[in-house]
Amino acid sequence: MLWYLADGSLNEYLKSQIQLQGKYYSTQETKLAIADFSSSTGLGVFNEITMANPDGYQEKYALTIDRVDIKLAPVHSINTTQDSSSFNNPSPFKDTPVSMTNIAQLTINKLTLNIEQGKNKDISNINELMAQVKNKLAQDYPELYPEISVKRYAEKHPTLNAEVYAKNHPQSGPIIEHTQAKKKRGKEQGKIKIQAINIKLLTLNTINNGIIKTQQMSNLQLPSIGGEQGIVTDQLGGKLLLALFALSKLS
């Protein structure tokens, strides 16, 4: 139903969702300066995205992106309830109600990751953020992350060896709630998928004892997100963050 909102309202909604999902999954302040999406063309631009570093690190931001461009794939299905006048000026992006948002192309102009080992910390800031995102995804969608879910269960029940129990009782017992999808109530949630992700310029700043080593890579292609069936829209922030944070391994 978002395509029926006024463009101004839609842009504010998209901006708020990016900021909310970024903070929800990472627990760090996430900001976006401008969201500009056109429901008539299916094209969108998002400018100046920043994600704050966790406490205990030198740099202010863990991640910065100067510009993201998206292009929606045209919708080919026809809404048979449309009045005939709507076919005089059809829009492949706006006039067909669908439950799947299909992003044909997501292009990041410049992505910067600041990777550093904090004082008195066993892992880097990026690994800390990745662990946080994975735990949030496993908490909300346990059936999709059974290994993490089982470990979370074990932490809450220290007297039970959850991993052994799961192997010996795959179809019964308390672990089952973490390995099977929960029953959904109400209307089905909208889904989304990203067919192609391109990063024009990746900058990796590795910080060690105050010394910064910088690497740059161009024209990176990342795996698609969502496959053919798509993922629940609320997962997108977590999935996309994991894909971007994983690039730190290239340093």
Protein backbone atom coordinates (compact mmCIF):
# COMPACT_ATOMS: atom_id res chain seq x y z
CA MET A 1 0.00 0.00 0.00
CA LEU A 2 3.03 2.28 0.22
CA TRP A 3 2.79 3.14 -3.46
CA TYR A 4 -0.53 4.92 -2.73
CA LEU A 5 1.02 7.30 -0.24
CA ALA A 6 2.06 10.78 -1.28
CA ASP A 7 5.70 10.83 -2.37
CA GLY A 8 6.64 13.15 0.49
CA SER A 9 5.08 10.87 3.08
CA LEU A 10 6.66 7.83 1.45
CA ASN A 11 10.12 9.39 1.59
CA GLU A 12 9.74 10.18 5.28
CA TYR A 13 8.57 6.63 5.90
CA LEU A 14 11.53 5.13 4.00
CA LYS A 15 13.97 7.38 5.87
CA SER A 16 12.52 6.40 9.23
CA GLN A 17 12.61 2.69 8.35
CA ILE A 18 16.27 2.77 7.32
CA GLN A 19 17.19 4.57 10.54
CA LEU A 20 15.02 2.34 12.72
CA GLN A 21 16.16 -0.95 11.20
CA GLY A 22 19.81 0.13 11.30
CA LYS A 23 19.60 0.93 15.00
CA TYR A 24 17.40 -2.07 15.82
CA TYR A 25 19.81 -4.62 14.38
CA SER A 26 23.09 -2.96 15.38
CA THR A 27 21.91 -1.08 18.54
CA GLN A 28 23.93 1.85 17.17
CA GLU A 29 22.61 5.24 16.08
CA THR A 30 21.93 5.14 12.34
CA LYS A 31 21.23 8.28 10.35
CA LEU A 32 20.13 9.05 6.80
CA ALA A 33 20.16 12.61 5.46
CA ILE A 34 17.83 12.31 2.47
CA ALA A 35 15.49 9.69 0.99
CA ASP A 36 14.11 10.47 -2.46
CA PHE A 37 12.00 7.75 -4.10
CA SER A 38 9.64 8.14 -7.08
CA SER A 39 6.75 5.71 -7.16
CA SER A 40 6.10 6.57 -10.81
CA THR A 41 9.60 5.60 -12.04
CA GLY A 42 10.64 3.05 -9.42
CA LEU A 43 13.91 4.89 -8.87
CA GLY A 44 15.25 5.99 -5.50
CA VAL A 45 18.26 7.81 -4.05
CA PHE A 46 19.41 7.73 -0.42
CA ASN A 47 22.14 10.16 0.64
CA GLU A 48 24.58 10.20 3.58
CA ILE A 49 24.06 7.09 5.70
CA THR A 50 26.10 6.73 8.88
CA MET A 51 26.22 4.12 11.63
CA ALA A 52 27.92 4.99 14.92
CA ASN A 53 30.66 2.84 16.42
CA PRO A 54 30.00 0.94 19.65
CA ASP A 55 31.62 2.43 22.76
CA GLY A 56 35.34 1.90 23.20
CA TYR A 57 36.54 2.57 19.67
CA GLN A 58 38.52 5.44 18.17
CA GLU A 59 36.42 6.31 15.12
CA LYS A 60 33.01 7.96 15.40
CA TYR A 61 31.45 5.79 12.71
CA ALA A 62 31.76 2.10 11.91
CA LEU A 63 30.11 2.52 8.51
CA THR A 64 29.44 5.42 6.15
CA ILE A 65 27.78 5.48 2.72
CA ASP A 66 27.63 8.62 0.61
CA ARG A 67 24.89 7.56 -1.83
CA VAL A 68 22.68 4.58 -2.62
CA ASP A 69 20.66 4.26 -5.83
CA ILE A 70 17.90 1.69 -6.19
CA LYS A 71 15.84 0.59 -9.16
CA LEU A 72 12.68 -1.46 -8.74
CA ALA A 73 11.88 -4.23 -11.21
CA PRO A 74 8.67 -3.53 -13.20
CA VAL A 75 5.58 -5.37 -12.02
CA HIS A 76 4.07 -7.48 -14.80
CA SER A 77 0.91 -8.73 -13.10
CA ILE A 78 -2.41 -6.98 -13.89
CA ASN A 79 -4.91 -5.85 -11.30
CA THR A 80 -8.24 -6.96 -12.79
CA THR A 81 -10.15 -4.65 -10.46
CA GLN A 82 -8.61 -1.57 -12.05
CA ASP A 83 -10.98 0.79 -13.76
CA SER A 84 -10.39 1.10 -17.46
CA SER A 85 -9.20 4.69 -17.16
CA SER A 86 -6.10 3.50 -15.27
CA PHE A 87 -4.80 1.84 -18.42
CA ASN A 88 -4.59 5.19 -20.23
CA ASN A 89 -1.51 6.11 -18.24
CA PRO A 90 -0.18 2.89 -16.71
CA SER A 91 2.68 2.81 -14.19
CA PRO A 92 4.49 -0.52 -13.80
CA PHE A 93 5.59 0.49 -10.29
CA LYS A 94 2.57 2.20 -8.73
CA ASP A 95 -0.78 0.79 -9.80
CA THR A 96 -0.44 -2.93 -9.19
CA PRO A 97 -0.86 -4.06 -5.57
CA VAL A 98 1.67 -6.81 -4.85
CA SER A 99 3.12 -8.36 -1.69
CA MET A 100 6.67 -8.60 -3.08
CA THR A 101 8.97 -5.59 -3.50
CA ASN A 102 11.56 -6.55 -6.11
CA ILE A 103 14.66 -4.34 -6.19
CA ALA A 104 16.37 -5.05 -9.53
CA GLN A 105 19.52 -3.09 -8.69
CA LEU A 106 20.99 -1.54 -5.55
CA THR A 107 24.13 0.54 -6.21
CA ILE A 108 26.32 1.97 -3.44
CA ASN A 109 28.55 4.76 -4.70
CA LYS A 110 31.07 4.73 -1.83
CA LEU A 111 31.06 2.50 1.24
CA THR A 112 33.60 3.07 4.04
CA LEU A 113 34.17 0.56 6.85
CA ASN A 114 36.36 1.55 9.81
CA ILE A 115 37.74 -1.67 11.28
CA GLU A 116 39.48 -1.53 14.64
CA GLN A 117 40.32 -3.52 17.71
CA GLY A 118 39.12 -1.68 20.80
CA LYS A 119 41.07 -1.57 24.04
CA ASN A 120 40.26 -4.49 26.35
CA LYS A 121 38.12 -6.09 23.62
CA ASP A 122 38.53 -9.56 22.16
CA ILE A 123 36.95 -8.78 18.80
CA SER A 124 36.89 -5.90 16.33
CA ASN A 125 34.08 -3.38 16.18
CA ILE A 126 32.76 -4.89 12.94
CA ASN A 127 32.72 -8.41 14.39
CA GLU A 128 30.95 -7.05 17.46
CA LEU A 129 28.30 -5.47 15.24
CA MET A 130 27.94 -8.63 13.14
CA ALA A 131 27.36 -10.71 16.27
CA GLN A 132 24.73 -8.23 17.42
CA VAL A 133 22.92 -8.35 14.06
CA LYS A 134 22.98 -12.16 13.94
CA ASN A 135 21.59 -12.41 17.47
CA LYS A 136 18.74 -10.04 16.61
CA LEU A 137 17.88 -12.01 13.47
CA ALA A 138 17.98 -15.28 15.41
CA GLN A 139 15.81 -13.78 18.13
CA ASP A 140 13.13 -12.65 15.66
CA TYR A 141 13.42 -15.47 13.11
CA PRO A 142 14.73 -18.48 15.11
CA GLU A 143 13.72 -21.01 12.45
CA LEU A 144 16.14 -19.38 9.99
CA TYR A 145 19.12 -19.41 12.38
CA PRO A 146 18.85 -22.73 14.28
CA GLU A 147 22.50 -22.89 15.38
CA ILE A 148 22.42 -19.44 16.97
CA SER A 149 18.96 -20.09 18.41
CA VAL A 150 20.11 -23.28 20.08
CA LYS A 151 23.07 -21.47 21.65
CA ARG A 152 20.75 -18.71 22.87
CA TYR A 153 18.51 -21.37 24.41
CA ALA A 154 21.51 -22.99 26.10
CA GLU A 155 22.53 -19.68 27.65
CA LYS A 156 19.06 -19.33 29.18
CA HIS A 157 19.07 -22.97 30.38
CA PRO A 158 22.66 -23.65 31.57
CA THR A 159 21.78 -27.04 33.08
CA LEU A 160 20.62 -28.36 29.70
CA ASN A 161 23.06 -29.22 26.91
CA ALA A 162 20.91 -27.70 24.17
CA GLU A 163 23.08 -28.81 21.25
CA VAL A 164 23.14 -32.45 22.35
CA TYR A 165 19.44 -32.33 23.10
CA ALA A 166 18.65 -30.93 19.66
CA LYS A 167 20.62 -33.72 17.97
CA ASN A 168 19.03 -36.51 20.04
CA HIS A 169 15.49 -35.08 19.93
CA PRO A 170 15.15 -33.32 16.56
CA GLN A 171 11.36 -33.44 16.54
CA SER A 172 10.38 -32.88 20.17
CA GLY A 173 11.04 -31.00 23.35
CA PRO A 174 11.67 -27.34 24.15
CA ILE A 175 14.33 -26.85 21.43
CA ILE A 176 11.69 -27.41 18.76
CA GLU A 177 10.42 -23.87 19.25
CA HIS A 178 13.76 -22.63 17.96
CA THR A 179 13.97 -24.91 14.91
CA GLN A 180 10.51 -24.62 13.41
CA ALA A 181 8.66 -21.63 12.01
CA LYS A 182 6.14 -20.04 14.32
CA LYS A 183 2.53 -19.91 13.25
CA LYS A 184 1.72 -16.56 11.69
CA ARG A 185 -1.35 -14.62 12.78
CA GLY A 186 -3.16 -11.95 10.80
CA LYS A 187 -2.28 -10.84 7.30
CA GLU A 188 0.86 -12.11 5.60
CA GLN A 189 3.78 -9.71 5.90
CA GLY A 190 5.14 -8.07 2.78
CA LYS A 191 8.33 -9.50 1.32
CA ILE A 192 11.32 -8.00 -0.46
CA LYS A 193 14.31 -9.16 -2.48
CA ILE A 194 17.36 -7.51 -4.03
CA GLN A 195 18.48 -9.08 -7.30
CA ALA A 196 21.83 -7.31 -7.68
CA ILE A 197 24.07 -5.28 -5.34
CA ASN A 198 26.97 -3.27 -6.72
CA ILE A 199 29.53 -1.21 -4.78
CA LYS A 200 31.40 1.26 -6.95
CA LEU A 201 34.08 2.04 -4.35
CA LEU A 202 34.84 0.22 -1.10
CA THR A 203 37.24 1.85 1.40
CA LEU A 204 38.51 -0.27 4.29
CA ASN A 205 40.28 1.63 7.07
CA THR A 206 42.02 -0.81 9.38
CA ILE A 207 43.02 0.92 12.64
CA ASN A 208 45.66 -0.61 14.87
CA ASN A 209 47.19 1.32 17.79
CA GLY A 210 46.15 4.59 16.21
CA ILE A 211 47.74 3.76 12.86
CA ILE A 212 45.34 3.66 9.90
CA LYS A 213 45.91 1.39 6.91
CA THR A 214 43.62 2.12 3.97
CA GLN A 215 42.61 -0.22 1.15
CA GLN A 216 40.29 0.57 -1.73
CA MET A 217 38.48 -1.74 -4.13
CA SER A 218 36.24 -0.92 -7.08
CA ASN A 219 33.13 -2.38 -8.68
CA LEU A 220 32.29 -5.16 -6.24
CA GLN A 221 29.30 -7.41 -6.88
CA LEU A 222 27.57 -8.85 -3.80
CA PRO A 223 25.24 -11.88 -3.73
CA SER A 224 21.53 -11.22 -4.11
CA ILE A 225 19.33 -11.09 -1.01
CA GLY A 226 16.03 -12.93 -0.68
CA GLY A 227 16.34 -15.48 -3.48
CA GLU A 228 13.21 -16.14 -5.53
CA GLN A 229 10.75 -16.13 -2.63
CA GLY A 230 12.03 -12.99 -0.93
CA ILE A 231 12.37 -12.32 2.79
CA VAL A 232 10.06 -10.58 5.24
CA THR A 233 10.66 -6.85 4.81
CA ASP A 234 11.67 -6.40 8.45
CA GLN A 235 14.66 -8.71 7.89
CA LEU A 236 16.20 -6.58 5.15
CA GLY A 237 18.12 -4.22 7.43
CA GLY A 238 19.84 -7.12 9.20
CA LYS A 239 20.57 -9.08 6.04
CA LEU A 240 22.01 -6.08 4.23
CA LEU A 241 24.17 -5.08 7.20
CA LEU A 242 25.65 -8.58 7.39
CA ALA A 243 26.49 -8.47 3.67
CA LEU A 244 28.23 -5.10 4.05
CA PHE A 245 30.06 -5.97 7.28
CA ALA A 246 31.34 -9.20 5.69
CA LEU A 247 33.40 -7.05 3.32
CA SER A 248 35.69 -6.25 6.27
CA LYS A 249 37.22 -9.72 5.74
CA LEU A 250 38.79 -8.39 2.54
CA SER A 251 41.16 -6.23 4.60
